Protein backbone atom coordinates (compact mmCIF):
# COMPACT_ATOMS: atom_id res chain seq x y z
CA MET A 1 63.98 77.48 89.24
CA ASP A 2 64.05 78.92 85.75
CA ASN A 3 66.64 76.01 84.81
CA GLU A 4 64.10 73.55 86.11
CA ILE A 5 61.19 75.14 84.27
CA LEU A 6 63.33 75.28 81.17
CA VAL A 7 64.16 71.37 81.56
CA ASN A 8 60.39 70.55 81.97
CA ILE A 9 59.45 72.69 78.82
CA LEU A 10 62.24 70.82 76.88
CA TRP A 11 61.14 67.23 78.09
CA LEU A 12 57.33 68.49 77.12
CA ALA A 13 58.78 69.46 73.67
CA PHE A 14 60.73 66.28 73.21
CA ALA A 15 57.69 64.22 74.44
CA ALA A 16 55.28 65.95 71.90
CA MET A 17 58.11 65.59 69.13
CA ALA A 18 58.43 62.02 69.95
CA LEU A 19 54.61 61.47 70.21
CA THR A 20 54.28 63.50 66.81
CA LEU A 21 57.00 61.10 65.28
CA LEU A 22 55.30 58.14 66.74
CA ILE A 23 52.12 59.10 65.04
CA LEU A 24 53.52 59.79 61.61
CA TYR A 25 55.44 56.40 61.85
CA LEU A 26 52.16 54.57 62.77
CA LYS A 27 50.46 56.47 59.69
CA LYS A 28 53.25 55.67 57.24
CA ASN A 29 53.18 52.08 58.21
CA GLU A 30 49.53 51.81 57.82
CA LYS A 31 49.74 53.39 54.35
CA ILE A 32 52.52 50.84 53.67
CA ASN A 33 50.42 48.15 54.68
CA SER A 34 47.54 49.27 52.71
CA LEU A 35 49.87 49.68 49.59
CA GLN A 36 51.35 46.33 49.93
CA SER A 37 47.81 44.90 49.92
CA ALA A 38 46.92 46.87 46.98
CA VAL A 39 50.01 45.52 45.32
CA ILE A 40 49.14 42.03 46.25
CA ASN A 41 45.33 42.56 44.71
CA LEU A 42 46.78 44.10 41.81
CA LYS A 43 49.11 41.13 41.25
CA THR A 44 46.21 38.61 41.69
CA THR A 45 44.14 40.61 39.33
CA LEU A 46 46.98 40.74 36.89
CA GLU A 47 47.34 37.00 37.08
CA GLU A 48 43.68 36.43 36.71
CA MET A 49 43.55 38.79 33.58
CA ASP A 50 46.69 36.78 32.16
CA GLU A 51 44.87 33.49 32.68
CA GLN A 52 41.82 34.89 30.99
CA ALA A 53 44.10 36.30 28.05
CA LYS A 54 45.45 32.85 27.65
CA LEU A 55 42.08 31.11 27.78
CA ILE A 56 41.04 33.62 25.00
CA VAL A 57 43.78 33.05 23.00
CA ARG A 58 43.39 29.23 23.25
CA THR A 59 39.78 29.57 22.44
CA ASP A 60 40.34 31.66 19.39
CA ILE A 61 43.10 29.14 18.17
CA ALA A 62 40.54 26.30 18.54
CA LEU A 63 37.91 28.29 16.87
CA ASN A 64 40.20 29.12 14.20
CA LYS A 65 41.14 25.58 13.82
CA THR A 66 37.40 24.43 13.88
CA GLN A 67 36.61 27.13 11.30
CA GLU A 68 39.27 25.80 9.02
CA GLU A 69 38.04 22.07 9.50
CA LEU A 70 34.47 23.29 8.82
CA ASP A 71 35.82 25.28 5.73
CA LYS A 72 37.57 22.20 4.48
CA LYS A 73 34.60 19.79 5.14
CA LEU A 74 32.37 22.16 3.34
CA THR A 75 34.77 22.40 0.42
CA GLY A 76 34.91 18.68 0.47
CA LEU A 77 31.34 18.22 0.44
CA TYR A 78 30.92 20.58 -2.41
CA ALA A 79 33.66 18.54 -4.21
CA LEU A 80 31.84 15.32 -3.60
CA GLN A 81 28.45 16.74 -4.86
CA ARG A 82 30.19 17.93 -8.07
CA LEU A 83 31.76 14.46 -8.27
CA SER A 84 28.53 12.85 -7.79
CA ARG A 85 26.79 14.74 -10.43
CA ALA A 86 29.52 14.06 -12.94
CA ILE A 87 29.69 10.37 -11.99
CA SER A 88 25.94 10.00 -12.40
CA THR A 89 25.94 11.54 -15.86
CA THR A 90 27.76 8.53 -17.51
CA LEU A 91 26.53 4.88 -17.73
CA GLU A 92 30.19 3.72 -19.12
CA GLU A 93 32.44 1.99 -16.68
CA LYS A 94 35.60 3.44 -17.80
CA HIS A 95 34.02 6.89 -18.16
CA ILE A 96 33.23 6.88 -14.34
CA PHE A 97 36.83 7.27 -13.23
CA ARG A 98 37.50 9.74 -15.98
CA LYS A 99 34.93 12.19 -14.28
CA ILE A 100 37.37 12.34 -11.31
CA GLU A 101 39.63 15.55 -11.97
CA LEU A 102 42.71 17.07 -10.17
CA SER A 103 40.48 19.94 -9.03
CA HIS A 104 38.34 17.55 -7.24
CA LEU A 105 41.16 16.09 -5.37
CA GLU A 106 42.68 19.60 -4.51
CA ASP A 107 39.38 20.51 -2.96
CA LEU A 108 39.48 17.51 -0.78
CA GLY A 109 43.25 18.21 0.14
CA PHE A 110 44.86 15.57 -1.98
CA GLU A 111 47.44 15.85 -4.73
CA LYS A 112 47.18 12.56 -6.39
CA ALA A 113 44.67 9.63 -6.98
CA CYS A 114 44.86 6.05 -8.47
CA ALA A 115 42.22 3.23 -8.89
CA PHE A 116 42.48 -0.17 -9.67
CA LEU A 117 39.95 -3.16 -10.31
CA TRP A 118 40.90 -6.71 -9.71
CA ASN A 119 40.30 -8.88 -12.96
CA ALA A 120 39.78 -12.63 -11.77
CA GLU A 121 40.13 -13.90 -15.15
CA SER A 122 43.79 -12.34 -15.95
CA GLY A 123 44.59 -12.51 -12.03
CA GLU A 124 45.75 -8.99 -11.96
CA PHE A 125 44.78 -5.25 -10.87
CA ILE A 126 43.77 -3.25 -13.89
CA PRO A 127 44.37 0.49 -13.50
CA TYR A 128 41.25 2.76 -14.14
CA LEU A 129 42.50 6.13 -12.85
CA TYR A 130 45.82 7.80 -12.18
CA ILE A 131 45.88 11.52 -11.55
CA GLY A 132 49.29 13.18 -10.39
CA TYR A 133 51.48 10.14 -11.53
CA MET A 134 54.02 9.58 -14.37
CA GLU A 135 53.59 6.45 -16.51
CA ASP A 136 56.82 4.85 -14.81
CA GLU A 137 55.25 5.39 -11.43
CA ILE A 138 52.18 3.77 -12.59
CA ASP A 139 54.23 0.79 -13.75
CA TYR A 140 55.93 0.66 -10.36
CA ILE A 141 52.64 0.48 -8.59
CA ILE A 142 51.40 -2.24 -10.63
CA ALA A 143 54.53 -4.37 -10.02
CA ASP A 144 54.09 -3.63 -6.18
CA LEU A 145 50.43 -4.69 -6.48
CA ALA A 146 51.13 -7.94 -8.35
CA GLU A 147 53.98 -8.51 -5.50
CA LYS A 148 51.49 -7.79 -2.62
CA ARG A 149 48.13 -8.88 -4.22
CA ASP A 150 47.23 -10.95 -1.44
CA PHE A 151 47.29 -7.89 1.20
CA TYR A 152 45.08 -5.80 -1.16
CA LEU A 153 42.78 -8.68 -1.74
CA ASP A 154 42.37 -8.94 1.69
CA LEU A 155 41.85 -5.41 2.16
CA ILE A 156 39.01 -5.47 -0.41
CA GLY A 157 37.64 -8.78 1.20
CA ARG A 158 37.36 -7.17 4.55
CA GLN A 159 36.14 -3.84 2.94
CA LYS A 160 38.63 -1.87 5.30
CA THR A 161 39.68 1.72 4.80
CA LEU A 162 43.11 2.38 5.59
CA SER A 163 45.37 5.74 6.07
CA SER A 164 48.66 6.90 6.64
CA ILE A 165 47.44 7.36 10.35
CA SER A 166 46.16 3.96 11.03
CA LEU A 167 49.12 2.07 9.21
CA GLN A 168 51.59 3.91 11.39
CA ARG A 169 49.85 2.19 14.22
CA GLU A 170 49.89 -1.17 12.14
CA LEU A 171 53.28 -0.63 10.60
CA GLY A 172 53.51 -0.78 6.67
CA SER A 173 52.83 3.02 6.20
CA LEU A 174 56.29 3.63 4.95
CA GLU A 175 56.20 0.87 2.38
CA MET A 176 52.84 1.88 1.05
CA SER A 177 54.16 5.53 0.76
CA LYS A 178 57.07 4.39 -1.26
CA ALA A 179 54.93 2.43 -3.38
CA PHE A 180 52.41 5.18 -3.95
CA HIS A 181 54.68 8.11 -3.69
CA ALA A 182 52.70 9.61 -1.15
CA ASN A 183 53.47 10.44 2.51
CA SER A 184 49.85 11.22 3.45
CA PHE A 185 47.04 9.08 2.03
CA VAL A 186 43.96 7.14 2.30
CA ILE A 187 42.89 3.98 0.76
CA SER A 188 39.27 2.58 0.59
CA PRO A 189 37.90 -0.32 -1.15
CA ILE A 190 35.50 -0.04 -4.17
CA MET A 191 32.74 -2.58 -3.73
CA PRO A 192 30.00 -2.87 -6.36
CA LYS A 193 27.57 -5.46 -5.90
CA GLU A 194 28.26 -7.22 -9.17
CA GLY A 195 31.55 -7.54 -11.39
CA ASP A 196 35.19 -6.53 -10.50
CA LYS A 197 36.01 -5.01 -7.06
CA GLY A 198 39.09 -2.98 -6.28
CA PHE A 199 40.17 0.09 -4.43
CA ILE A 200 40.91 4.00 -4.91
CA PHE A 201 44.13 5.49 -3.38
CA VAL A 202 44.39 9.26 -2.63
CA GLY A 203 47.33 11.06 -1.31
CA ALA A 204 49.69 13.94 -0.86
CA GLY A 205 53.42 14.21 -1.42
CA ALA A 206 54.12 16.15 1.61
CA ASP A 207 53.06 15.30 5.15
CA MET A 208 49.42 16.37 5.71
CA PRO A 209 47.26 16.29 8.90
CA LEU A 210 44.75 13.72 8.12
CA THR A 211 41.77 13.65 10.11
CA GLU A 212 38.68 11.27 10.40
CA GLY A 213 36.73 13.59 8.22
CA ASP A 214 39.32 12.99 5.31
CA GLU A 215 38.87 9.18 5.39
CA GLU A 216 34.94 9.76 5.51
CA PHE A 217 35.30 11.70 2.25
CA ILE A 218 37.13 9.12 0.74
CA ILE A 219 34.91 6.29 1.86
CA LEU A 220 31.85 8.40 0.49
CA LEU A 221 33.90 8.78 -2.86
CA ALA A 222 34.61 5.12 -3.03
CA ASN A 223 30.80 4.40 -2.23
CA GLN A 224 29.76 6.65 -5.04
CA VAL A 225 32.02 4.99 -7.39
CA SER A 226 30.81 1.67 -6.36
CA GLN A 227 27.25 2.86 -6.89
CA ALA A 228 28.11 4.35 -10.27
CA LEU A 229 29.63 1.04 -11.41
CA ASP A 230 26.51 -0.98 -10.18
CA ASN A 231 24.44 1.31 -12.53
CA ALA A 232 26.61 1.11 -15.53
CA ARG A 233 26.64 -2.59 -15.21
CA LEU A 234 23.06 -2.71 -14.66
CA PHE A 235 22.77 -0.43 -17.63
CA GLU A 236 24.93 -2.65 -19.79
CA HIS A 237 23.07 -5.69 -18.92
CA THR A 238 19.72 -4.19 -19.53
CA TRP A 239 21.11 -2.77 -22.71
CA MET A 240 22.48 -6.15 -23.93
CA ALA A 241 19.32 -7.86 -22.82
CA GLN A 242 17.30 -5.57 -24.84
CA GLN A 243 19.67 -5.93 -27.72
CA ASN A 244 19.34 -9.61 -27.55
CA LEU A 245 15.53 -9.32 -27.06
CA GLU A 246 15.16 -7.13 -30.36
CA ARG A 247 17.49 -9.57 -32.16
CA LYS A 248 15.39 -12.54 -31.10
CA VAL A 249 12.12 -10.57 -31.72
CA GLU A 250 13.43 -9.72 -35.18
CA GLU A 251 14.31 -13.37 -35.77
CA ARG A 252 11.21 -14.49 -34.46
CA THR A 253 9.42 -11.87 -36.59
CA GLN A 254 11.27 -12.97 -39.83
CA GLU A 255 10.39 -16.62 -38.76
CA LEU A 256 6.65 -15.58 -38.31
CA SER A 257 6.85 -13.98 -41.44
CA GLN A 258 8.13 -16.88 -43.33
CA ALA A 259 5.52 -19.01 -41.54
CA LEU A 260 2.63 -16.47 -42.24
CA GLU A 261 3.83 -16.74 -46.19
CA GLU A 262 3.88 -20.38 -46.02
CA VAL A 263 0.40 -20.30 -44.39
CA LYS A 264 -0.98 -17.98 -47.07
CA ILE A 265 0.46 -20.33 -49.65
CA ILE A 266 -1.19 -23.41 -47.94
CA SER A 267 -4.31 -21.51 -47.36
CA LYS A 268 -4.41 -20.36 -51.05
CA ARG A 269 -3.63 -24.12 -52.08
CA LYS A 270 -6.35 -25.13 -49.89
CA THR A 271 -8.93 -22.65 -51.21
CA ASP A 272 -7.94 -23.23 -54.72
CA PHE A 273 -8.13 -27.14 -54.02
CA ILE A 274 -11.60 -26.75 -52.28
CA SER A 275 -12.69 -24.64 -55.14
CA ALA A 276 -11.47 -26.95 -57.77
CA VAL A 277 -12.87 -29.98 -55.93
CA SER A 278 -16.24 -28.18 -55.41
CA HIS A 279 -16.57 -27.48 -59.15
CA GLU A 280 -15.63 -31.11 -60.06
CA LEU A 281 -18.23 -32.47 -57.52
CA ARG A 282 -21.13 -30.04 -58.88
CA THR A 283 -21.13 -31.76 -62.10
CA PRO A 284 -21.52 -35.68 -60.98
CA LEU A 285 -23.92 -34.27 -58.22
CA THR A 286 -26.10 -32.54 -60.75
CA SER A 287 -26.15 -35.91 -63.00
CA VAL A 288 -26.93 -37.79 -59.77
CA LYS A 289 -29.64 -35.73 -58.72
CA GLY A 290 -30.95 -35.26 -62.25
CA TYR A 291 -31.28 -39.06 -62.79
CA ALA A 292 -32.75 -39.40 -59.25
CA ALA A 293 -35.45 -36.79 -60.12
CA ILE A 294 -36.36 -38.60 -63.38
CA LEU A 295 -36.62 -41.82 -61.79
CA ILE A 296 -38.77 -40.61 -58.65
CA GLU A 297 -41.19 -38.89 -61.13
CA GLU A 298 -41.42 -42.60 -62.72
CA LYS A 299 -40.61 -41.08 -66.21
CA LEU A 300 -38.89 -44.20 -67.31
CA GLY A 301 -41.45 -46.51 -65.75
CA ALA A 302 -43.17 -47.47 -62.53
CA LEU A 303 -40.89 -48.23 -59.48
CA PRO A 304 -41.58 -50.42 -56.55
CA PRO A 305 -41.99 -48.62 -53.34
CA ALA A 306 -38.79 -49.69 -51.91
CA VAL A 307 -36.96 -48.37 -54.68
CA LYS A 308 -38.68 -45.13 -54.75
CA GLU A 309 -37.71 -44.74 -50.99
CA ARG A 310 -34.00 -45.26 -51.78
CA LEU A 311 -34.22 -42.89 -54.80
CA GLU A 312 -35.68 -40.20 -52.41
CA LYS A 313 -33.02 -40.66 -49.83
CA ILE A 314 -30.32 -40.16 -52.75
CA ASN A 315 -32.14 -37.07 -53.65
CA ARG A 316 -32.16 -35.64 -50.47
CA HIS A 317 -28.74 -36.59 -49.61
CA SER A 318 -27.65 -35.10 -52.94
CA ASP A 319 -29.14 -31.76 -51.81
CA GLU A 320 -27.28 -31.89 -48.68
CA LEU A 321 -24.11 -32.34 -50.65
CA VAL A 322 -25.14 -29.70 -53.05
CA ARG A 323 -25.60 -27.26 -50.24
CA MET A 324 -21.92 -28.48 -48.76
CA VAL A 325 -20.54 -27.93 -52.00
CA ASN A 326 -21.97 -24.36 -52.40
CA ASP A 327 -20.83 -23.38 -48.90
CA LEU A 328 -17.32 -24.54 -49.82
CA LEU A 329 -17.34 -22.63 -53.02
CA ASP A 330 -18.74 -19.51 -51.35
CA ILE A 331 -16.10 -19.77 -48.60
CA SER A 332 -13.09 -20.14 -50.97
CA ARG A 333 -14.39 -17.42 -53.09
CA ILE A 334 -14.56 -14.84 -50.13
CA GLU A 335 -11.34 -16.05 -48.89
CA ALA A 336 -9.79 -15.57 -52.21
CA GLY A 337 -11.52 -12.04 -52.56
CA LYS A 338 -13.53 -13.29 -55.73
CA THR A 339 -16.92 -12.85 -54.04
CA ILE A 340 -18.16 -9.23 -54.89
CA MET A 341 -20.21 -7.66 -51.84
CA ARG A 342 -22.92 -5.47 -53.29
CA LEU A 343 -22.91 -3.08 -50.30
CA VAL A 344 -25.96 -0.76 -50.33
CA PRO A 345 -27.90 1.15 -47.64
CA GLN A 346 -30.11 -1.68 -45.87
CA ASP A 347 -32.71 -1.31 -43.15
CA ILE A 348 -31.49 -3.94 -40.76
CA GLN A 349 -34.91 -3.96 -38.83
CA GLU A 350 -36.90 -4.52 -41.85
CA LEU A 351 -34.17 -7.19 -43.18
CA SER A 352 -34.19 -9.03 -39.75
CA ALA A 353 -38.01 -9.07 -39.59
CA SER A 354 -38.04 -10.68 -42.98
CA VAL A 355 -35.83 -13.55 -41.94
CA ALA A 356 -37.54 -13.68 -38.59
CA ASP A 357 -40.72 -14.35 -40.56
CA LEU A 358 -39.39 -17.23 -42.37
CA ILE A 359 -38.11 -18.54 -39.15
CA SER A 360 -41.26 -18.39 -37.12
CA ILE A 361 -42.68 -21.48 -38.76
CA GLN A 362 -40.08 -23.61 -37.34
CA CYS A 363 -40.41 -21.77 -34.02
CA LYS A 364 -44.05 -22.53 -33.88
CA GLU A 365 -43.48 -26.35 -34.62
CA LYS A 366 -41.13 -26.20 -31.32
CA GLU A 367 -43.32 -24.01 -29.47
CA ILE A 368 -40.25 -21.42 -29.28
CA GLU A 369 -41.18 -17.70 -28.35
CA LEU A 370 -39.51 -15.43 -30.95
CA LEU A 371 -39.24 -11.89 -29.72
CA THR A 372 -37.67 -8.77 -31.38
CA GLU A 373 -36.20 -5.83 -29.29
CA ASN A 374 -35.36 -2.84 -31.44
CA PRO A 375 -35.03 0.91 -30.72
CA GLU A 376 -37.60 3.23 -32.50
CA ALA A 377 -34.73 4.48 -34.80
CA LEU A 378 -31.81 2.90 -36.23
CA PRO A 379 -29.31 4.17 -38.76
CA LYS A 380 -28.96 2.00 -41.98
CA VAL A 381 -26.07 -0.18 -42.71
CA MET A 382 -24.03 -0.90 -45.74
CA ALA A 383 -24.55 -4.43 -46.42
CA ASP A 384 -25.20 -7.04 -49.18
CA ARG A 385 -28.75 -8.06 -48.48
CA SER A 386 -28.67 -11.59 -49.87
CA GLN A 387 -25.45 -12.17 -47.80
CA ILE A 388 -26.78 -10.66 -44.38
CA GLU A 389 -29.83 -12.67 -45.11
CA ARG A 390 -27.79 -15.95 -45.21
CA VAL A 391 -25.92 -14.70 -41.97
CA LEU A 392 -29.37 -14.23 -40.14
CA ILE A 393 -30.94 -17.34 -41.51
CA ASN A 394 -27.71 -19.48 -40.23
CA LEU A 395 -27.70 -17.97 -37.00
CA LEU A 396 -31.59 -18.07 -36.19
CA GLY A 397 -31.67 -21.68 -37.61
CA ASN A 398 -28.99 -22.81 -35.25
CA ALA A 399 -30.73 -20.95 -32.28
CA VAL A 400 -34.01 -23.02 -33.17
CA LYS A 401 -31.97 -26.21 -33.56
CA PHE A 402 -30.11 -26.07 -30.04
CA THR A 403 -33.41 -24.55 -28.15
CA PRO A 404 -35.65 -26.99 -26.66
CA ARG A 405 -39.46 -26.94 -26.83
CA GLN A 406 -41.02 -23.85 -25.14
CA GLY A 407 -37.79 -22.09 -25.20
CA LYS A 408 -37.11 -18.40 -26.12
CA ILE A 409 -35.20 -16.56 -28.94
CA ILE A 410 -34.43 -12.86 -28.82
CA ILE A 411 -33.51 -10.70 -31.87
CA ARG A 412 -32.05 -7.48 -30.54
CA ILE A 413 -30.64 -4.64 -32.52
CA SER A 414 -28.65 -1.65 -31.02
CA GLU A 415 -26.29 0.98 -31.88
CA GLU A 416 -22.61 0.96 -30.30
CA HIS A 417 -19.70 2.57 -30.83
CA GLY A 418 -20.49 3.83 -34.37
CA ARG A 419 -21.78 0.43 -35.50
CA VAL A 420 -25.04 -1.22 -35.49
CA LYS A 421 -24.79 -4.56 -33.50
CA VAL A 422 -27.20 -7.50 -33.89
CA ASP A 423 -27.64 -9.99 -30.99
CA ILE A 424 -29.36 -13.44 -31.38
CA GLN A 425 -30.00 -14.81 -27.89
CA ASP A 426 -31.33 -18.30 -27.23
CA SER A 427 -32.44 -20.29 -24.11
CA GLY A 428 -30.74 -23.50 -25.58
CA ILE A 429 -28.24 -26.04 -24.35
CA GLY A 430 -25.37 -23.63 -24.51
CA MET A 431 -21.81 -24.82 -25.16
CA PRO A 432 -18.60 -25.57 -23.21
CA PRO A 433 -15.68 -22.76 -23.00
CA GLU A 434 -13.41 -24.97 -25.44
CA ALA A 435 -16.06 -25.06 -28.06
CA ILE A 436 -16.62 -21.17 -28.00
CA GLU A 437 -12.89 -20.91 -29.30
CA ARG A 438 -13.55 -23.06 -32.36
CA ILE A 439 -17.07 -22.59 -33.15
CA PHE A 440 -16.33 -20.76 -36.18
CA ASP A 441 -13.70 -23.09 -37.57
CA GLU A 442 -14.41 -25.09 -40.64
CA PHE A 443 -15.84 -28.38 -40.20
CA TYR A 444 -15.93 -28.03 -36.40
CA ARG A 445 -19.05 -29.38 -34.70
CA VAL A 446 -19.82 -29.17 -30.79
CA ASP A 447 -19.84 -32.44 -29.37
CA ASN A 448 -23.32 -32.55 -27.65
CA GLU A 449 -26.22 -34.76 -28.00
CA ILE A 450 -28.12 -32.64 -30.53
CA ASN A 451 -25.45 -32.92 -33.09
CA GLN A 452 -24.88 -36.62 -32.39
CA HIS A 453 -28.51 -37.10 -33.83
CA VAL A 454 -28.76 -34.14 -36.32
CA LYS A 455 -26.42 -34.35 -39.45
CA GLY A 456 -24.42 -31.36 -40.28
CA THR A 457 -21.12 -30.00 -42.15
CA GLY A 458 -19.84 -27.79 -39.77
CA LEU A 459 -19.39 -24.98 -42.54
CA GLY A 460 -22.39 -22.64 -41.80
CA LEU A 461 -20.85 -20.71 -38.94
CA SER A 462 -17.49 -20.33 -40.72
CA LEU A 463 -19.31 -18.95 -43.72
CA VAL A 464 -21.27 -16.67 -41.64
CA LYS A 465 -17.84 -15.19 -40.03
CA HIS A 466 -16.35 -14.73 -43.37
CA ILE A 467 -19.39 -12.96 -44.66
CA VAL A 468 -19.55 -10.55 -41.57
CA GLU A 469 -15.61 -9.79 -41.91
CA ALA A 470 -15.98 -9.20 -45.56
CA HIS A 471 -18.55 -6.40 -44.66
CA GLN A 472 -15.70 -5.06 -42.16
CA GLY A 473 -17.66 -6.36 -39.30
CA ARG A 474 -16.88 -8.62 -36.38
CA ILE A 475 -18.76 -11.60 -34.89
CA TRP A 476 -18.32 -13.52 -31.58
CA VAL A 477 -20.33 -15.64 -29.12
CA THR A 478 -20.97 -15.74 -25.53
CA SER A 479 -22.44 -18.90 -23.90
CA THR A 480 -23.02 -20.70 -20.83
CA GLN A 481 -23.54 -24.42 -20.88
CA GLY A 482 -27.13 -25.39 -19.92
CA LYS A 483 -28.29 -21.72 -20.07
CA GLY A 484 -28.09 -20.75 -23.93
CA SER A 485 -25.89 -18.77 -26.24
CA THR A 486 -25.95 -15.24 -27.79
CA PHE A 487 -24.28 -14.69 -31.28
CA SER A 488 -23.49 -11.16 -31.85
CA PHE A 489 -22.11 -9.25 -34.88
CA THR A 490 -21.61 -5.76 -36.07
CA LEU A 491 -21.93 -3.96 -39.36
CA PRO A 492 -20.75 -0.58 -40.43
CA LYS A 493 -23.53 2.27 -40.07
CA ILE A 494 -24.22 4.92 -42.56
CA ASN A 495 -23.62 8.27 -40.84
């Protein structure tokens, strides 16, 4: 019985131990599964972190590359800006290329450059720039250009920019690299609007990672050079045109000076001739007039009426000739400076009133209204009284002559711009525009009905002009055909 109890106790102990071991096994297995799951999660997390790290590294590399490209572009833009300022300071074609320096190329990422313009007359490319090249290398390039000129002329004609990148796709990069001694390069046409065209080549000896930005920089540089060439050539053309114009003006001035001297000589001869002839005419005219007067007075005996009438015509025409000769003599004296103007202070209002009183008789005969419009106070003028009287008598006489019956004449005196101005306005027949330009010429008479029936010499207004100008004044006329004329002249006032 005791053994059976002991066996049962042992089985119970064994069962308890087995149960305990089973429980321990299950817990350990659960922990292992949990650890394995944690390991898997940790592995996944590490893999995700690795991908993120790789992405960060790639992004950082890309950002650095972008930053480098931006720095390079900024450096290139600054270099182009400096180049643009330097190029714009000169207007000589050859000096434009001399403004491009090695430092500019280095900022753009290149080591050497050369530029050529095609000369159609000589049929060759002329070098204007070479930086980073030896003389023998330039000679080699010139020889290569001569051999392949059609290719480069076609490039210029198509206005196409090429680089070592684009030529690799089109073949020919090795040939150009060899010719220009550069592994990486850009070649862009120079296209001014006028004159010789060409291209600029920039390159580097070692392989250089070219970008579209590099090509754009060189295109901008070529465009700046093209614009500078246009400006220089325009300036040269303008300067040459100015020089030609100045030379022509100088030649024309000399010609005009010579012509003026000839005119002065001719004018002096004319004045001397008129003066001499006038003097010579006065003697026989005086005799003719004297004998006619004696005969008219019948001091040598009675005369038939018909003879007396003809003698009176001779006397009257002699008076007209004497007046014409005197006018010619006065004009010639004034032109020669031989007439002395006795300039003294004169009251122009009193002087004009005196002349108006003389003319009033003629006005009454034609029923012409003669008016005077003067301010209350006017400064005196420096004038020769007798000469200004002649001016007023002549101008008022013409106004009466060309104003129809019941017309109007106005004498208007005013002060303008430091001078005294006299206007004589009439309501007469006026004159055409072409007559206004010649009215003060000697012997000129307006072609109108009145002049066709009234004799005259055409010297009166010319004499008036000479007298006014001898007083340092000016005379002019405004007129409308059928509405009248206004003759105006100025005289210096006394301050």
